[in-house]
Amino acid sequence: MSTGVIFSVVTALGLIRLPDVYTRTHAASKSSTLGVLCVLLAAFIHFWLIEGIFNTQLIIAIAFLFITAPVGGHLIGRAAYMSGIKVTEETVRDDMKDAVKEAKQEIRDHKPTEL
């Protein structure tokens, strides 16, 4: 439980201190996922060992969160990039720039066929 709280505090600090939407999304998706997973796992272990209740809903919640949270963070970052939000000056490398340029060129070059 304490580990989950620590990860949640790191998430909050990352959302406040990081410079742009991409690094904030990274903090929100990665460390908050670990924080919530640790809290849910602690609750599962408590109810299983102390109370004698095996709660499958907590297992399902852990699996669902583990799968969906990083994907959601990735999609939010990609949507921000596609909408034109600039990266911060501290960013060393922009891997998406060339890929987006090539995709846009491919769309421009594509000519629809006549039916």
N, C-alpha and C. Protein backbone atom coordinates (compact mmCIF):
# COMPACT_ATOMS: atom_id res chain seq x y z
N MET A 1 0.83 -1.19 0.00
CA MET A 1 0.00 0.00 0.00
C MET A 1 0.88 1.26 0.00
N SER A 2 1.94 1.23 0.79
CA SER A 2 2.85 2.39 0.85
C SER A 2 3.53 2.64 -0.49
N THR A 3 3.87 1.57 -1.18
CA THR A 3 4.49 1.72 -2.50
C THR A 3 3.52 2.40 -3.47
N GLY A 4 2.25 2.02 -3.41
CA GLY A 4 1.25 2.66 -4.25
C GLY A 4 1.09 4.13 -3.95
N VAL A 5 1.15 4.48 -2.69
CA VAL A 5 1.05 5.90 -2.30
C VAL A 5 2.26 6.67 -2.81
N ILE A 6 3.44 6.07 -2.72
CA ILE A 6 4.66 6.74 -3.20
C ILE A 6 4.57 6.98 -4.71
N PHE A 7 4.13 5.97 -5.45
CA PHE A 7 3.98 6.15 -6.90
C PHE A 7 2.93 7.22 -7.22
N SER A 8 1.88 7.30 -6.44
CA SER A 8 0.85 8.32 -6.67
C SER A 8 1.38 9.72 -6.39
N VAL A 9 2.21 9.85 -5.37
CA VAL A 9 2.83 11.15 -5.07
C VAL A 9 3.79 11.55 -6.19
N VAL A 10 4.55 10.58 -6.70
CA VAL A 10 5.45 10.86 -7.82
C VAL A 10 4.64 11.30 -9.04
N THR A 11 3.49 10.69 -9.26
CA THR A 11 2.61 11.10 -10.36
C THR A 11 2.18 12.54 -10.19
N ALA A 12 1.74 12.90 -9.00
CA ALA A 12 1.29 14.27 -8.75
C ALA A 12 2.42 15.27 -8.96
N LEU A 13 3.60 14.94 -8.48
CA LEU A 13 4.75 15.83 -8.69
C LEU A 13 5.10 15.94 -10.17
N GLY A 14 5.01 14.83 -10.90
CA GLY A 14 5.30 14.86 -12.33
C GLY A 14 4.31 15.72 -13.09
N LEU A 15 3.05 15.65 -12.73
CA LEU A 15 2.04 16.48 -13.40
C LEU A 15 2.24 17.96 -13.14
N ILE A 16 2.78 18.28 -11.98
CA ILE A 16 3.00 19.68 -11.63
C ILE A 16 4.32 20.20 -12.22
N ARG A 17 5.37 19.39 -12.16
CA ARG A 17 6.72 19.88 -12.47
C ARG A 17 7.16 19.68 -13.92
N LEU A 18 6.61 18.72 -14.63
CA LEU A 18 7.11 18.44 -15.98
C LEU A 18 6.65 19.50 -16.97
N PRO A 19 7.46 19.76 -18.02
CA PRO A 19 7.25 20.97 -18.83
C PRO A 19 6.17 20.91 -19.90
N ASP A 20 5.90 19.73 -20.49
CA ASP A 20 4.95 19.73 -21.60
C ASP A 20 3.96 18.57 -21.48
N VAL A 21 3.01 18.54 -22.40
CA VAL A 21 1.94 17.56 -22.33
C VAL A 21 2.46 16.14 -22.50
N TYR A 22 3.52 15.94 -23.24
CA TYR A 22 4.03 14.61 -23.51
C TYR A 22 4.69 14.00 -22.27
N THR A 23 5.49 14.77 -21.58
CA THR A 23 6.11 14.25 -20.36
C THR A 23 5.09 14.11 -19.24
N ARG A 24 4.11 14.99 -19.20
CA ARG A 24 3.04 14.86 -18.21
C ARG A 24 2.20 13.62 -18.46
N THR A 25 1.93 13.35 -19.73
CA THR A 25 1.18 12.14 -20.08
C THR A 25 1.96 10.90 -19.67
N HIS A 26 3.26 10.94 -19.87
CA HIS A 26 4.11 9.82 -19.47
C HIS A 26 4.02 9.60 -17.95
N ALA A 27 4.11 10.68 -17.20
CA ALA A 27 4.02 10.56 -15.74
C ALA A 27 2.65 10.06 -15.31
N ALA A 28 1.62 10.57 -15.95
CA ALA A 28 0.27 10.19 -15.56
C ALA A 28 -0.05 8.74 -15.92
N SER A 29 0.47 8.28 -17.03
CA SER A 29 0.11 6.92 -17.43
C SER A 29 0.99 5.86 -16.77
N LYS A 30 2.26 6.11 -16.63
CA LYS A 30 3.16 5.07 -16.12
C LYS A 30 3.13 4.98 -14.60
N SER A 31 3.45 6.05 -13.92
CA SER A 31 3.57 5.95 -12.47
C SER A 31 2.21 5.85 -11.77
N SER A 32 1.20 6.47 -12.33
CA SER A 32 -0.12 6.32 -11.69
C SER A 32 -0.65 4.90 -11.88
N THR A 33 -0.33 4.28 -13.01
CA THR A 33 -0.73 2.89 -13.21
C THR A 33 -0.07 2.00 -12.16
N LEU A 34 1.21 2.19 -11.94
CA LEU A 34 1.90 1.40 -10.92
C LEU A 34 1.35 1.69 -9.53
N GLY A 35 1.03 2.95 -9.25
CA GLY A 35 0.49 3.31 -7.94
C GLY A 35 -0.85 2.65 -7.68
N VAL A 36 -1.74 2.74 -8.64
CA VAL A 36 -3.07 2.14 -8.45
C VAL A 36 -2.96 0.61 -8.41
N LEU A 37 -2.09 0.04 -9.23
CA LEU A 37 -1.90 -1.41 -9.20
C LEU A 37 -1.39 -1.88 -7.84
N CYS A 38 -0.46 -1.14 -7.26
CA CYS A 38 0.05 -1.51 -5.94
C CYS A 38 -1.05 -1.42 -4.87
N VAL A 39 -1.88 -0.39 -4.94
CA VAL A 39 -2.96 -0.25 -3.96
C VAL A 39 -3.99 -1.38 -4.13
N LEU A 40 -4.36 -1.68 -5.37
CA LEU A 40 -5.31 -2.76 -5.61
C LEU A 40 -4.73 -4.11 -5.20
N LEU A 41 -3.45 -4.33 -5.47
CA LEU A 41 -2.82 -5.58 -5.07
C LEU A 41 -2.76 -5.70 -3.55
N ALA A 42 -2.48 -4.61 -2.87
CA ALA A 42 -2.48 -4.62 -1.41
C ALA A 42 -3.87 -4.94 -0.86
N ALA A 43 -4.89 -4.37 -1.46
CA ALA A 43 -6.26 -4.67 -1.03
C ALA A 43 -6.60 -6.13 -1.28
N PHE A 44 -6.18 -6.65 -2.44
CA PHE A 44 -6.44 -8.06 -2.75
C PHE A 44 -5.76 -8.98 -1.74
N ILE A 45 -4.48 -8.69 -1.45
CA ILE A 45 -3.74 -9.52 -0.49
C ILE A 45 -4.36 -9.43 0.90
N HIS A 46 -4.77 -8.24 1.30
CA HIS A 46 -5.41 -8.08 2.61
C HIS A 46 -6.68 -8.92 2.71
N PHE A 47 -7.55 -8.78 1.74
CA PHE A 47 -8.81 -9.52 1.81
C PHE A 47 -8.60 -11.02 1.68
N TRP A 48 -7.58 -11.44 0.93
CA TRP A 48 -7.35 -12.87 0.75
C TRP A 48 -6.72 -13.49 1.99
N LEU A 49 -5.67 -12.85 2.55
CA LEU A 49 -4.95 -13.44 3.68
C LEU A 49 -5.60 -13.15 5.02
N ILE A 50 -6.11 -11.95 5.23
CA ILE A 50 -6.67 -11.57 6.53
C ILE A 50 -8.15 -11.95 6.64
N GLU A 51 -8.92 -11.61 5.63
CA GLU A 51 -10.36 -11.83 5.67
C GLU A 51 -10.78 -13.19 5.11
N GLY A 52 -9.90 -13.83 4.33
CA GLY A 52 -10.22 -15.12 3.73
C GLY A 52 -11.14 -15.02 2.53
N ILE A 53 -11.17 -13.86 1.88
CA ILE A 53 -12.04 -13.64 0.72
C ILE A 53 -11.16 -13.49 -0.52
N PHE A 54 -11.38 -14.39 -1.50
CA PHE A 54 -10.66 -14.29 -2.77
C PHE A 54 -11.53 -13.48 -3.72
N ASN A 55 -11.13 -12.23 -3.96
CA ASN A 55 -11.95 -11.30 -4.74
C ASN A 55 -11.48 -11.27 -6.19
N THR A 56 -12.24 -11.90 -7.06
CA THR A 56 -11.88 -11.92 -8.48
C THR A 56 -12.08 -10.56 -9.14
N GLN A 57 -12.94 -9.73 -8.60
CA GLN A 57 -13.15 -8.40 -9.18
C GLN A 57 -11.88 -7.55 -9.09
N LEU A 58 -11.12 -7.70 -8.01
CA LEU A 58 -9.86 -6.97 -7.90
C LEU A 58 -8.85 -7.46 -8.92
N ILE A 59 -8.82 -8.76 -9.16
CA ILE A 59 -7.91 -9.31 -10.17
C ILE A 59 -8.29 -8.77 -11.55
N ILE A 60 -9.57 -8.74 -11.85
CA ILE A 60 -10.03 -8.21 -13.14
C ILE A 60 -9.70 -6.72 -13.25
N ALA A 61 -9.88 -5.97 -12.17
CA ALA A 61 -9.56 -4.53 -12.19
C ALA A 61 -8.07 -4.31 -12.42
N ILE A 62 -7.23 -5.12 -11.79
CA ILE A 62 -5.78 -5.00 -11.98
C ILE A 62 -5.42 -5.28 -13.43
N ALA A 63 -5.96 -6.34 -14.00
CA ALA A 63 -5.66 -6.68 -15.39
C ALA A 63 -6.17 -5.60 -16.35
N PHE A 64 -7.38 -5.11 -16.13
CA PHE A 64 -7.96 -4.08 -17.00
C PHE A 64 -7.14 -2.80 -16.94
N LEU A 65 -6.76 -2.38 -15.75
CA LEU A 65 -5.97 -1.17 -15.59
C LEU A 65 -4.58 -1.32 -16.21
N PHE A 66 -3.97 -2.48 -16.02
CA PHE A 66 -2.64 -2.72 -16.55
C PHE A 66 -2.63 -2.66 -18.08
N ILE A 67 -3.73 -3.06 -18.70
CA ILE A 67 -3.81 -3.05 -20.16
C ILE A 67 -4.21 -1.68 -20.70
N THR A 68 -5.19 -1.04 -20.10
CA THR A 68 -5.79 0.16 -20.71
C THR A 68 -5.08 1.46 -20.38
N ALA A 69 -4.51 1.61 -19.22
CA ALA A 69 -3.92 2.91 -18.83
C ALA A 69 -2.73 3.31 -19.71
N PRO A 70 -1.76 2.44 -19.96
CA PRO A 70 -0.66 2.85 -20.85
C PRO A 70 -1.12 3.13 -22.29
N VAL A 71 -2.09 2.36 -22.76
CA VAL A 71 -2.61 2.59 -24.11
C VAL A 71 -3.31 3.94 -24.19
N GLY A 72 -4.08 4.28 -23.17
CA GLY A 72 -4.74 5.58 -23.13
C GLY A 72 -3.75 6.73 -23.11
N GLY A 73 -2.69 6.60 -22.32
CA GLY A 73 -1.65 7.62 -22.28
C GLY A 73 -0.97 7.79 -23.62
N HIS A 74 -0.71 6.67 -24.30
CA HIS A 74 -0.09 6.74 -25.62
C HIS A 74 -1.01 7.44 -26.62
N LEU A 75 -2.28 7.11 -26.59
CA LEU A 75 -3.22 7.73 -27.54
C LEU A 75 -3.41 9.22 -27.28
N ILE A 76 -3.40 9.61 -26.02
CA ILE A 76 -3.51 11.04 -25.70
C ILE A 76 -2.27 11.78 -26.21
N GLY A 77 -1.09 11.21 -26.02
CA GLY A 77 0.13 11.83 -26.52
C GLY A 77 0.15 11.93 -28.04
N ARG A 78 -0.31 10.89 -28.71
CA ARG A 78 -0.35 10.91 -30.17
C ARG A 78 -1.36 11.93 -30.68
N ALA A 79 -2.51 12.01 -30.03
CA ALA A 79 -3.51 13.01 -30.42
C ALA A 79 -2.98 14.42 -30.23
N ALA A 80 -2.25 14.64 -29.13
CA ALA A 80 -1.67 15.96 -28.90
C ALA A 80 -0.65 16.30 -29.98
N TYR A 81 0.15 15.33 -30.37
CA TYR A 81 1.15 15.57 -31.42
C TYR A 81 0.48 15.87 -32.75
N MET A 82 -0.53 15.09 -33.09
CA MET A 82 -1.22 15.28 -34.36
C MET A 82 -1.98 16.61 -34.42
N SER A 83 -2.39 17.11 -33.26
CA SER A 83 -3.10 18.39 -33.25
C SER A 83 -2.14 19.58 -33.28
N GLY A 84 -0.84 19.32 -33.23
CA GLY A 84 0.13 20.38 -33.41
C GLY A 84 0.71 20.97 -32.15
N ILE A 85 0.52 20.34 -31.02
CA ILE A 85 1.12 20.84 -29.78
C ILE A 85 2.62 20.59 -29.84
N LYS A 86 3.39 21.64 -29.66
CA LYS A 86 4.85 21.56 -29.79
C LYS A 86 5.47 20.90 -28.57
N VAL A 87 6.60 20.24 -28.81
CA VAL A 87 7.37 19.68 -27.71
C VAL A 87 8.20 20.78 -27.07
N THR A 88 8.66 20.56 -25.87
CA THR A 88 9.45 21.55 -25.16
C THR A 88 10.85 21.67 -25.78
N GLU A 89 11.54 22.77 -25.51
CA GLU A 89 12.87 22.98 -26.06
C GLU A 89 13.88 21.97 -25.55
N GLU A 90 13.62 21.40 -24.36
CA GLU A 90 14.54 20.42 -23.79
C GLU A 90 14.49 19.07 -24.49
N THR A 91 13.52 18.89 -25.38
CA THR A 91 13.39 17.62 -26.08
C THR A 91 14.57 17.43 -27.02
N VAL A 92 15.24 16.29 -26.90
CA VAL A 92 16.45 16.02 -27.66
C VAL A 92 16.13 15.49 -29.06
N ARG A 93 15.13 14.63 -29.16
CA ARG A 93 14.85 13.97 -30.43
C ARG A 93 13.34 13.86 -30.64
N ASP A 94 12.91 14.07 -31.88
CA ASP A 94 11.49 13.99 -32.23
C ASP A 94 11.32 12.89 -33.28
N ASP A 95 11.03 11.69 -32.84
CA ASP A 95 10.91 10.55 -33.75
C ASP A 95 9.64 10.61 -34.59
N MET A 96 8.62 11.26 -34.11
CA MET A 96 7.35 11.30 -34.84
C MET A 96 7.39 12.26 -36.02
N LYS A 97 8.27 13.22 -36.02
CA LYS A 97 8.29 14.26 -37.05
C LYS A 97 8.42 13.65 -38.45
N ASP A 98 9.41 12.78 -38.64
CA ASP A 98 9.62 12.18 -39.96
C ASP A 98 8.47 11.24 -40.34
N ALA A 99 7.97 10.48 -39.38
CA ALA A 99 6.88 9.54 -39.67
C ALA A 99 5.62 10.28 -40.08
N VAL A 100 5.31 11.37 -39.41
CA VAL A 100 4.12 12.15 -39.75
C VAL A 100 4.29 12.81 -41.11
N LYS A 101 5.49 13.31 -41.39
CA LYS A 101 5.76 13.94 -42.69
C LYS A 101 5.57 12.92 -43.82
N GLU A 102 6.09 11.71 -43.64
CA GLU A 102 5.94 10.68 -44.66
C GLU A 102 4.48 10.27 -44.84
N ALA A 103 3.74 10.16 -43.75
CA ALA A 103 2.33 9.78 -43.84
C ALA A 103 1.52 10.85 -44.56
N LYS A 104 1.79 12.10 -44.27
CA LYS A 104 1.07 13.18 -44.95
C LYS A 104 1.41 13.22 -46.43
N GLN A 105 2.68 12.99 -46.77
CA GLN A 105 3.08 12.95 -48.17
C GLN A 105 2.40 11.79 -48.90
N GLU A 106 2.31 10.66 -48.24
CA GLU A 106 1.65 9.50 -48.84
C GLU A 106 0.17 9.77 -49.08
N ILE A 107 -0.47 10.47 -48.15
CA ILE A 107 -1.88 10.82 -48.33
C ILE A 107 -2.05 11.78 -49.49
N ARG A 108 -1.15 12.76 -49.61
CA ARG A 108 -1.23 13.72 -50.73
C ARG A 108 -1.01 13.04 -52.08
N ASP A 109 -0.09 12.07 -52.11
CA ASP A 109 0.24 11.40 -53.37
C ASP A 109 -0.81 10.37 -53.78
N HIS A 110 -1.60 9.94 -52.85
CA HIS A 110 -2.60 8.90 -53.14
C HIS A 110 -3.74 9.49 -53.98
N LYS A 111 -3.96 8.89 -55.14
CA LYS A 111 -5.04 9.35 -56.01
C LYS A 111 -6.16 8.31 -55.99
N PRO A 112 -7.38 8.71 -55.69
CA PRO A 112 -8.48 7.74 -55.64
C PRO A 112 -8.75 7.15 -57.03
N THR A 113 -9.12 5.91 -57.07
CA THR A 113 -9.41 5.25 -58.34
C THR A 113 -10.86 5.49 -58.72
N GLU A 114 -11.11 5.50 -60.02
CA GLU A 114 -12.46 5.69 -60.54
C GLU A 114 -13.20 4.36 -60.49
N LEU A 115 -14.48 4.40 -60.14
CA LEU A 115 -15.29 3.18 -60.11
C LEU A 115 -16.06 3.00 -61.36
